[in-house]
């Protein structure tokens, strides 16, 4: 299992808006008592971070995309609107640079909840 501090992730991923998104998202996750944080990237793909909002550690990183990548697939998730996404586990933040490059922008941050939260917790338990 990956274990990396938020500051370490920010240093290894020079993406525009990452620091601000993580600071806001972790604060919101702490307030809500949640442990999954979603980041939407400017290419439409998303990152999901399994975090401890109280100590700013990341325990797992997932990528959610409609596209197929040469990464470790953990499952497919179909939303209520019928759109299906591939969910990949990221073992090392450098995989994200290799996949997306350095010129990425974080567009949106949200605390993951409801059906996707349940799906991810079940996937992590396997």
N, C-alpha and C. Protein backbone atom coordinates (compact mmCIF):
# COMPACT_ATOMS: atom_id res chain seq x y z
N UNK A 1 0.84 -1.19 0.00
CA UNK A 1 0.00 0.00 0.00
C UNK A 1 0.89 1.25 0.00
N UNK A 2 0.54 2.16 -0.83
CA UNK A 2 1.24 3.44 -0.93
C UNK A 2 1.00 4.25 0.35
N UNK A 3 2.00 4.96 0.79
CA UNK A 3 1.82 5.91 1.88
C UNK A 3 2.73 7.09 1.61
N UNK A 4 2.11 8.22 1.29
CA UNK A 4 2.87 9.41 0.94
C UNK A 4 2.19 10.62 1.57
N UNK A 5 2.98 11.56 2.01
CA UNK A 5 2.45 12.79 2.58
C UNK A 5 1.98 13.70 1.45
N UNK A 6 0.98 14.51 1.72
CA UNK A 6 0.43 15.43 0.72
C UNK A 6 1.52 16.33 0.15
N UNK A 7 2.40 16.84 0.99
CA UNK A 7 3.47 17.73 0.51
C UNK A 7 4.39 17.01 -0.47
N UNK A 8 4.66 15.74 -0.22
CA UNK A 8 5.50 14.95 -1.12
C UNK A 8 4.82 14.79 -2.47
N UNK A 9 3.52 14.55 -2.47
CA UNK A 9 2.78 14.42 -3.73
C UNK A 9 2.83 15.73 -4.51
N UNK A 10 2.64 16.84 -3.83
CA UNK A 10 2.66 18.15 -4.49
C UNK A 10 4.03 18.40 -5.13
N UNK A 11 5.10 18.01 -4.45
CA UNK A 11 6.44 18.20 -5.00
C UNK A 11 6.70 17.31 -6.21
N UNK A 12 6.11 16.11 -6.22
CA UNK A 12 6.37 15.18 -7.32
C UNK A 12 5.45 15.41 -8.52
N UNK A 13 4.35 16.12 -8.33
CA UNK A 13 3.42 16.43 -9.43
C UNK A 13 3.31 17.94 -9.57
N UNK A 14 4.00 18.53 -10.52
CA UNK A 14 4.00 19.99 -10.67
C UNK A 14 2.78 20.51 -11.42
N UNK A 15 1.61 20.03 -11.06
CA UNK A 15 0.39 20.38 -11.79
C UNK A 15 -0.22 21.66 -11.25
N UNK A 16 -0.72 22.48 -12.16
CA UNK A 16 -1.34 23.75 -11.79
C UNK A 16 -2.61 23.50 -10.99
N UNK A 17 -2.73 24.13 -9.84
CA UNK A 17 -3.92 24.03 -9.01
C UNK A 17 -3.95 22.85 -8.06
N UNK A 18 -2.93 22.00 -8.10
CA UNK A 18 -2.94 20.80 -7.24
C UNK A 18 -2.88 21.18 -5.76
N UNK A 19 -1.98 22.05 -5.39
CA UNK A 19 -1.84 22.43 -3.97
C UNK A 19 -3.16 22.99 -3.43
N UNK A 20 -3.75 23.93 -4.15
CA UNK A 20 -5.00 24.57 -3.69
C UNK A 20 -6.13 23.55 -3.60
N UNK A 21 -6.22 22.66 -4.60
CA UNK A 21 -7.27 21.65 -4.59
C UNK A 21 -7.12 20.71 -3.40
N UNK A 22 -5.89 20.29 -3.13
CA UNK A 22 -5.66 19.39 -2.00
C UNK A 22 -5.93 20.07 -0.67
N UNK A 23 -5.50 21.29 -0.52
CA UNK A 23 -5.74 22.00 0.74
C UNK A 23 -7.23 22.16 1.00
N UNK A 24 -7.97 22.58 -0.02
CA UNK A 24 -9.41 22.75 0.14
C UNK A 24 -10.09 21.39 0.36
N UNK A 25 -9.74 20.41 -0.46
CA UNK A 25 -10.37 19.10 -0.38
C UNK A 25 -10.12 18.40 0.94
N UNK A 26 -8.90 18.48 1.45
CA UNK A 26 -8.59 17.84 2.73
C UNK A 26 -9.37 18.51 3.86
N UNK A 27 -9.48 19.81 3.80
CA UNK A 27 -10.25 20.53 4.82
C UNK A 27 -11.72 20.10 4.79
N UNK A 28 -12.26 19.98 3.59
CA UNK A 28 -13.66 19.55 3.46
C UNK A 28 -13.82 18.10 3.92
N UNK A 29 -12.89 17.23 3.55
CA UNK A 29 -12.95 15.82 3.97
C UNK A 29 -12.88 15.70 5.49
N UNK A 30 -12.04 16.51 6.10
CA UNK A 30 -11.93 16.49 7.57
C UNK A 30 -13.25 16.92 8.20
N UNK A 31 -13.85 17.97 7.67
CA UNK A 31 -15.12 18.46 8.20
C UNK A 31 -16.22 17.41 8.08
N UNK A 32 -16.23 16.69 6.95
CA UNK A 32 -17.27 15.69 6.69
C UNK A 32 -16.94 14.31 7.24
N UNK A 33 -15.70 14.12 7.71
CA UNK A 33 -15.29 12.81 8.22
C UNK A 33 -15.16 11.78 7.11
N UNK A 34 -14.73 12.20 5.92
CA UNK A 34 -14.60 11.30 4.77
C UNK A 34 -13.13 11.05 4.46
N UNK A 35 -12.87 9.98 3.69
CA UNK A 35 -11.48 9.62 3.39
C UNK A 35 -11.18 9.44 1.91
N UNK A 36 -12.09 9.83 1.03
CA UNK A 36 -11.85 9.76 -0.41
C UNK A 36 -12.04 11.13 -1.03
N UNK A 37 -11.03 11.56 -1.75
CA UNK A 37 -11.02 12.89 -2.36
C UNK A 37 -10.86 12.74 -3.86
N UNK A 38 -11.71 13.41 -4.64
CA UNK A 38 -11.64 13.34 -6.10
C UNK A 38 -11.14 14.63 -6.71
N UNK A 39 -10.24 14.51 -7.68
CA UNK A 39 -9.71 15.65 -8.41
C UNK A 39 -10.01 15.44 -9.89
N UNK A 40 -10.65 16.41 -10.53
CA UNK A 40 -10.90 16.34 -11.96
C UNK A 40 -9.81 17.11 -12.68
N UNK A 41 -9.20 16.46 -13.67
CA UNK A 41 -8.12 17.07 -14.44
C UNK A 41 -8.67 17.71 -15.71
N UNK A 42 -7.87 18.58 -16.31
CA UNK A 42 -8.33 19.32 -17.48
C UNK A 42 -8.56 18.44 -18.71
N UNK A 43 -8.09 17.20 -18.71
CA UNK A 43 -8.35 16.29 -19.83
C UNK A 43 -9.62 15.46 -19.61
N UNK A 44 -10.30 15.67 -18.47
CA UNK A 44 -11.53 14.94 -18.17
C UNK A 44 -11.32 13.73 -17.29
N UNK A 45 -10.09 13.26 -17.16
CA UNK A 45 -9.81 12.14 -16.27
C UNK A 45 -9.82 12.63 -14.83
N UNK A 46 -9.86 11.69 -13.91
CA UNK A 46 -9.89 12.07 -12.51
C UNK A 46 -8.94 11.25 -11.66
N UNK A 47 -8.51 11.83 -10.58
CA UNK A 47 -7.74 11.12 -9.57
C UNK A 47 -8.61 10.98 -8.33
N UNK A 48 -8.48 9.86 -7.68
CA UNK A 48 -9.16 9.64 -6.41
C UNK A 48 -8.09 9.29 -5.40
N UNK A 49 -8.05 10.03 -4.33
CA UNK A 49 -7.05 9.83 -3.28
C UNK A 49 -7.72 9.27 -2.04
N UNK A 50 -7.22 8.14 -1.56
CA UNK A 50 -7.66 7.58 -0.29
C UNK A 50 -6.75 8.18 0.76
N UNK A 51 -7.31 9.04 1.61
CA UNK A 51 -6.52 9.88 2.49
C UNK A 51 -6.92 9.72 3.95
N UNK A 52 -6.03 10.17 4.80
CA UNK A 52 -6.37 10.44 6.19
C UNK A 52 -6.36 11.96 6.31
N UNK A 53 -7.52 12.60 6.37
CA UNK A 53 -7.54 14.07 6.36
C UNK A 53 -6.98 14.69 7.64
N UNK A 54 -6.78 13.88 8.66
CA UNK A 54 -6.31 14.42 9.94
C UNK A 54 -4.78 14.52 10.02
N UNK A 55 -4.08 13.71 9.20
CA UNK A 55 -2.61 13.79 9.21
C UNK A 55 -2.02 14.06 7.82
N UNK A 56 -2.88 14.32 6.84
CA UNK A 56 -2.46 14.68 5.47
C UNK A 56 -1.63 13.58 4.80
N UNK A 57 -1.98 12.32 5.04
CA UNK A 57 -1.33 11.21 4.35
C UNK A 57 -2.26 10.63 3.30
N UNK A 58 -1.66 10.18 2.21
CA UNK A 58 -2.38 9.50 1.13
C UNK A 58 -1.98 8.03 1.20
N UNK A 59 -2.98 7.15 1.23
CA UNK A 59 -2.71 5.73 1.33
C UNK A 59 -2.87 5.00 0.01
N UNK A 60 -3.69 5.53 -0.88
CA UNK A 60 -3.83 4.96 -2.21
C UNK A 60 -4.23 6.06 -3.18
N UNK A 61 -3.79 5.88 -4.43
CA UNK A 61 -4.17 6.79 -5.51
C UNK A 61 -4.82 5.95 -6.60
N UNK A 62 -5.97 6.40 -7.05
CA UNK A 62 -6.66 5.76 -8.16
C UNK A 62 -6.84 6.78 -9.28
N UNK A 63 -6.94 6.28 -10.50
CA UNK A 63 -7.25 7.14 -11.63
C UNK A 63 -8.55 6.62 -12.24
N UNK A 64 -9.44 7.54 -12.57
CA UNK A 64 -10.74 7.19 -13.13
C UNK A 64 -10.83 7.82 -14.51
N UNK A 65 -11.11 7.00 -15.53
CA UNK A 65 -11.08 7.49 -16.90
C UNK A 65 -12.03 6.69 -17.79
N UNK A 66 -12.50 7.34 -18.84
CA UNK A 66 -13.25 6.62 -19.88
C UNK A 66 -12.29 5.92 -20.83
N UNK A 67 -11.03 6.32 -20.81
CA UNK A 67 -10.01 5.77 -21.72
C UNK A 67 -9.30 4.58 -21.08
N UNK A 68 -8.79 3.71 -21.94
CA UNK A 68 -7.98 2.59 -21.47
C UNK A 68 -6.53 3.02 -21.43
N UNK A 69 -5.88 2.71 -20.31
CA UNK A 69 -4.46 3.00 -20.13
C UNK A 69 -3.74 1.71 -19.77
N UNK A 70 -2.44 1.71 -19.95
CA UNK A 70 -1.62 0.56 -19.59
C UNK A 70 -1.23 0.68 -18.11
N UNK A 71 -2.24 0.63 -17.26
CA UNK A 71 -2.07 0.72 -15.81
C UNK A 71 -2.85 -0.42 -15.17
N UNK A 72 -2.66 -0.64 -13.88
CA UNK A 72 -3.33 -1.74 -13.18
C UNK A 72 -4.81 -1.42 -12.97
N UNK A 73 -5.65 -2.11 -13.71
CA UNK A 73 -7.10 -1.92 -13.63
C UNK A 73 -7.65 -2.63 -12.39
N UNK A 74 -8.43 -1.89 -11.60
CA UNK A 74 -9.05 -2.55 -10.43
C UNK A 74 -10.54 -2.78 -10.63
N UNK A 75 -11.13 -2.14 -11.64
CA UNK A 75 -12.55 -2.36 -11.89
C UNK A 75 -13.14 -1.32 -12.81
N UNK A 76 -14.39 -1.57 -13.17
CA UNK A 76 -15.17 -0.63 -13.98
C UNK A 76 -16.31 -0.11 -13.12
N UNK A 77 -16.58 1.17 -13.24
CA UNK A 77 -17.66 1.79 -12.48
C UNK A 77 -18.62 2.44 -13.45
N UNK A 78 -19.90 2.10 -13.36
CA UNK A 78 -20.92 2.68 -14.21
C UNK A 78 -21.77 3.63 -13.38
N UNK A 79 -21.81 4.88 -13.83
CA UNK A 79 -22.59 5.90 -13.13
C UNK A 79 -24.07 5.75 -13.44
N UNK A 80 -24.87 6.49 -12.70
CA UNK A 80 -26.33 6.46 -12.87
C UNK A 80 -26.75 6.85 -14.28
N UNK A 81 -25.94 7.63 -14.99
CA UNK A 81 -26.28 8.07 -16.35
C UNK A 81 -25.84 7.07 -17.42
N UNK A 82 -25.29 5.94 -17.00
CA UNK A 82 -24.87 4.90 -17.93
C UNK A 82 -23.43 5.00 -18.40
N UNK A 83 -22.73 6.07 -18.07
CA UNK A 83 -21.32 6.21 -18.46
C UNK A 83 -20.46 5.27 -17.62
N UNK A 84 -19.60 4.52 -18.30
CA UNK A 84 -18.71 3.58 -17.63
C UNK A 84 -17.30 4.14 -17.61
N UNK A 85 -16.65 3.98 -16.47
CA UNK A 85 -15.28 4.46 -16.27
C UNK A 85 -14.40 3.30 -15.84
N UNK A 86 -13.16 3.33 -16.30
CA UNK A 86 -12.14 2.39 -15.84
C UNK A 86 -11.47 3.01 -14.61
N UNK A 87 -11.25 2.19 -13.60
CA UNK A 87 -10.57 2.69 -12.40
C UNK A 87 -9.27 1.90 -12.25
N UNK A 88 -8.18 2.66 -12.20
CA UNK A 88 -6.84 2.11 -12.12
C UNK A 88 -6.21 2.46 -10.78
N UNK A 89 -5.39 1.54 -10.28
CA UNK A 89 -4.61 1.84 -9.07
C UNK A 89 -3.24 2.35 -9.50
N UNK A 90 -2.81 3.43 -8.88
CA UNK A 90 -1.51 4.03 -9.16
C UNK A 90 -0.57 3.67 -8.01
N UNK A 91 0.51 2.97 -8.33
CA UNK A 91 1.45 2.54 -7.30
C UNK A 91 2.48 3.59 -6.94
N UNK A 92 2.75 4.49 -7.88
CA UNK A 92 3.78 5.50 -7.68
C UNK A 92 3.35 6.78 -8.40
N UNK A 93 3.44 7.93 -7.75
CA UNK A 93 3.04 9.18 -8.42
C UNK A 93 3.75 9.43 -9.75
N UNK A 94 4.93 8.85 -9.94
CA UNK A 94 5.63 9.03 -11.22
C UNK A 94 4.84 8.43 -12.38
N UNK A 95 3.99 7.43 -12.11
CA UNK A 95 3.13 6.87 -13.16
C UNK A 95 2.20 7.94 -13.73
N UNK A 96 1.81 8.89 -12.89
CA UNK A 96 0.92 9.96 -13.35
C UNK A 96 1.64 10.91 -14.29
N UNK A 97 2.90 11.22 -13.99
CA UNK A 97 3.70 12.06 -14.89
C UNK A 97 3.92 11.33 -16.21
N UNK A 98 4.22 10.03 -16.14
CA UNK A 98 4.43 9.24 -17.35
C UNK A 98 3.16 9.17 -18.20
N UNK A 99 2.00 9.15 -17.57
CA UNK A 99 0.73 9.04 -18.27
C UNK A 99 0.24 10.38 -18.80
N UNK A 100 0.31 11.43 -17.98
CA UNK A 100 -0.28 12.72 -18.33
C UNK A 100 0.72 13.82 -18.68
N UNK A 101 1.95 13.68 -18.21
CA UNK A 101 2.93 14.75 -18.40
C UNK A 101 2.85 15.76 -17.26
N UNK A 102 3.62 16.83 -17.40
CA UNK A 102 3.72 17.84 -16.34
C UNK A 102 2.76 19.00 -16.54
N UNK A 103 2.25 19.19 -17.74
CA UNK A 103 1.39 20.34 -18.03
C UNK A 103 -0.08 20.00 -17.85
N UNK A 104 -0.45 19.71 -16.63
CA UNK A 104 -1.81 19.31 -16.29
C UNK A 104 -2.39 20.35 -15.34
N UNK A 105 -3.67 20.55 -15.45
CA UNK A 105 -4.37 21.51 -14.59
C UNK A 105 -5.46 20.75 -13.81
N UNK A 106 -5.51 20.98 -12.51
CA UNK A 106 -6.59 20.43 -11.69
C UNK A 106 -7.75 21.41 -11.77
N UNK A 107 -8.88 20.94 -12.28
CA UNK A 107 -10.03 21.80 -12.53
C UNK A 107 -11.04 21.84 -11.38
N UNK A 108 -11.14 20.73 -10.65
CA UNK A 108 -12.23 20.60 -9.68
C UNK A 108 -11.82 19.62 -8.60
N UNK A 109 -12.31 19.83 -7.39
CA UNK A 109 -12.06 18.92 -6.28
C UNK A 109 -13.38 18.67 -5.56
N UNK A 110 -13.58 17.43 -5.11
CA UNK A 110 -14.78 17.10 -4.34
C UNK A 110 -14.50 15.91 -3.44
N UNK A 111 -15.24 15.83 -2.37
CA UNK A 111 -15.20 14.67 -1.49
C UNK A 111 -16.07 13.59 -2.14
N UNK A 112 -15.52 12.40 -2.27
CA UNK A 112 -16.24 11.28 -2.89
C UNK A 112 -17.20 10.70 -1.86
N UNK A 113 -18.43 10.44 -2.32
CA UNK A 113 -19.44 9.89 -1.42
C UNK A 113 -20.39 8.99 -2.19
N UNK A 114 -21.34 8.45 -1.50
CA UNK A 114 -22.43 7.65 -2.06
C UNK A 114 -21.92 6.39 -2.76
N UNK A 115 -22.45 6.10 -3.94
CA UNK A 115 -22.21 4.83 -4.62
C UNK A 115 -20.73 4.65 -4.98
N UNK A 116 -20.08 5.70 -5.49
CA UNK A 116 -18.66 5.58 -5.83
C UNK A 116 -17.82 5.33 -4.58
N UNK A 117 -18.16 5.97 -3.49
CA UNK A 117 -17.44 5.74 -2.23
C UNK A 117 -17.56 4.27 -1.82
N UNK A 118 -18.77 3.72 -1.88
CA UNK A 118 -18.99 2.32 -1.52
C UNK A 118 -18.20 1.39 -2.45
N UNK A 119 -18.25 1.67 -3.75
CA UNK A 119 -17.53 0.87 -4.74
C UNK A 119 -16.03 0.84 -4.43
N UNK A 120 -15.46 2.00 -4.17
CA UNK A 120 -14.02 2.09 -3.91
C UNK A 120 -13.62 1.39 -2.61
N UNK A 121 -14.43 1.53 -1.57
CA UNK A 121 -14.11 0.85 -0.31
C UNK A 121 -14.17 -0.67 -0.50
N UNK A 122 -15.13 -1.16 -1.27
CA UNK A 122 -15.20 -2.59 -1.55
C UNK A 122 -13.99 -3.05 -2.35
N UNK A 123 -13.57 -2.25 -3.33
CA UNK A 123 -12.40 -2.60 -4.15
C UNK A 123 -11.13 -2.62 -3.29
N UNK A 124 -11.01 -1.70 -2.35
CA UNK A 124 -9.82 -1.66 -1.50
C UNK A 124 -9.79 -2.83 -0.52
N UNK A 125 -10.96 -3.33 -0.15
CA UNK A 125 -11.03 -4.45 0.79
C UNK A 125 -10.63 -5.78 0.15
N UNK A 126 -10.61 -5.82 -1.19
CA UNK A 126 -10.25 -7.08 -1.88
C UNK A 126 -8.78 -7.31 -1.87
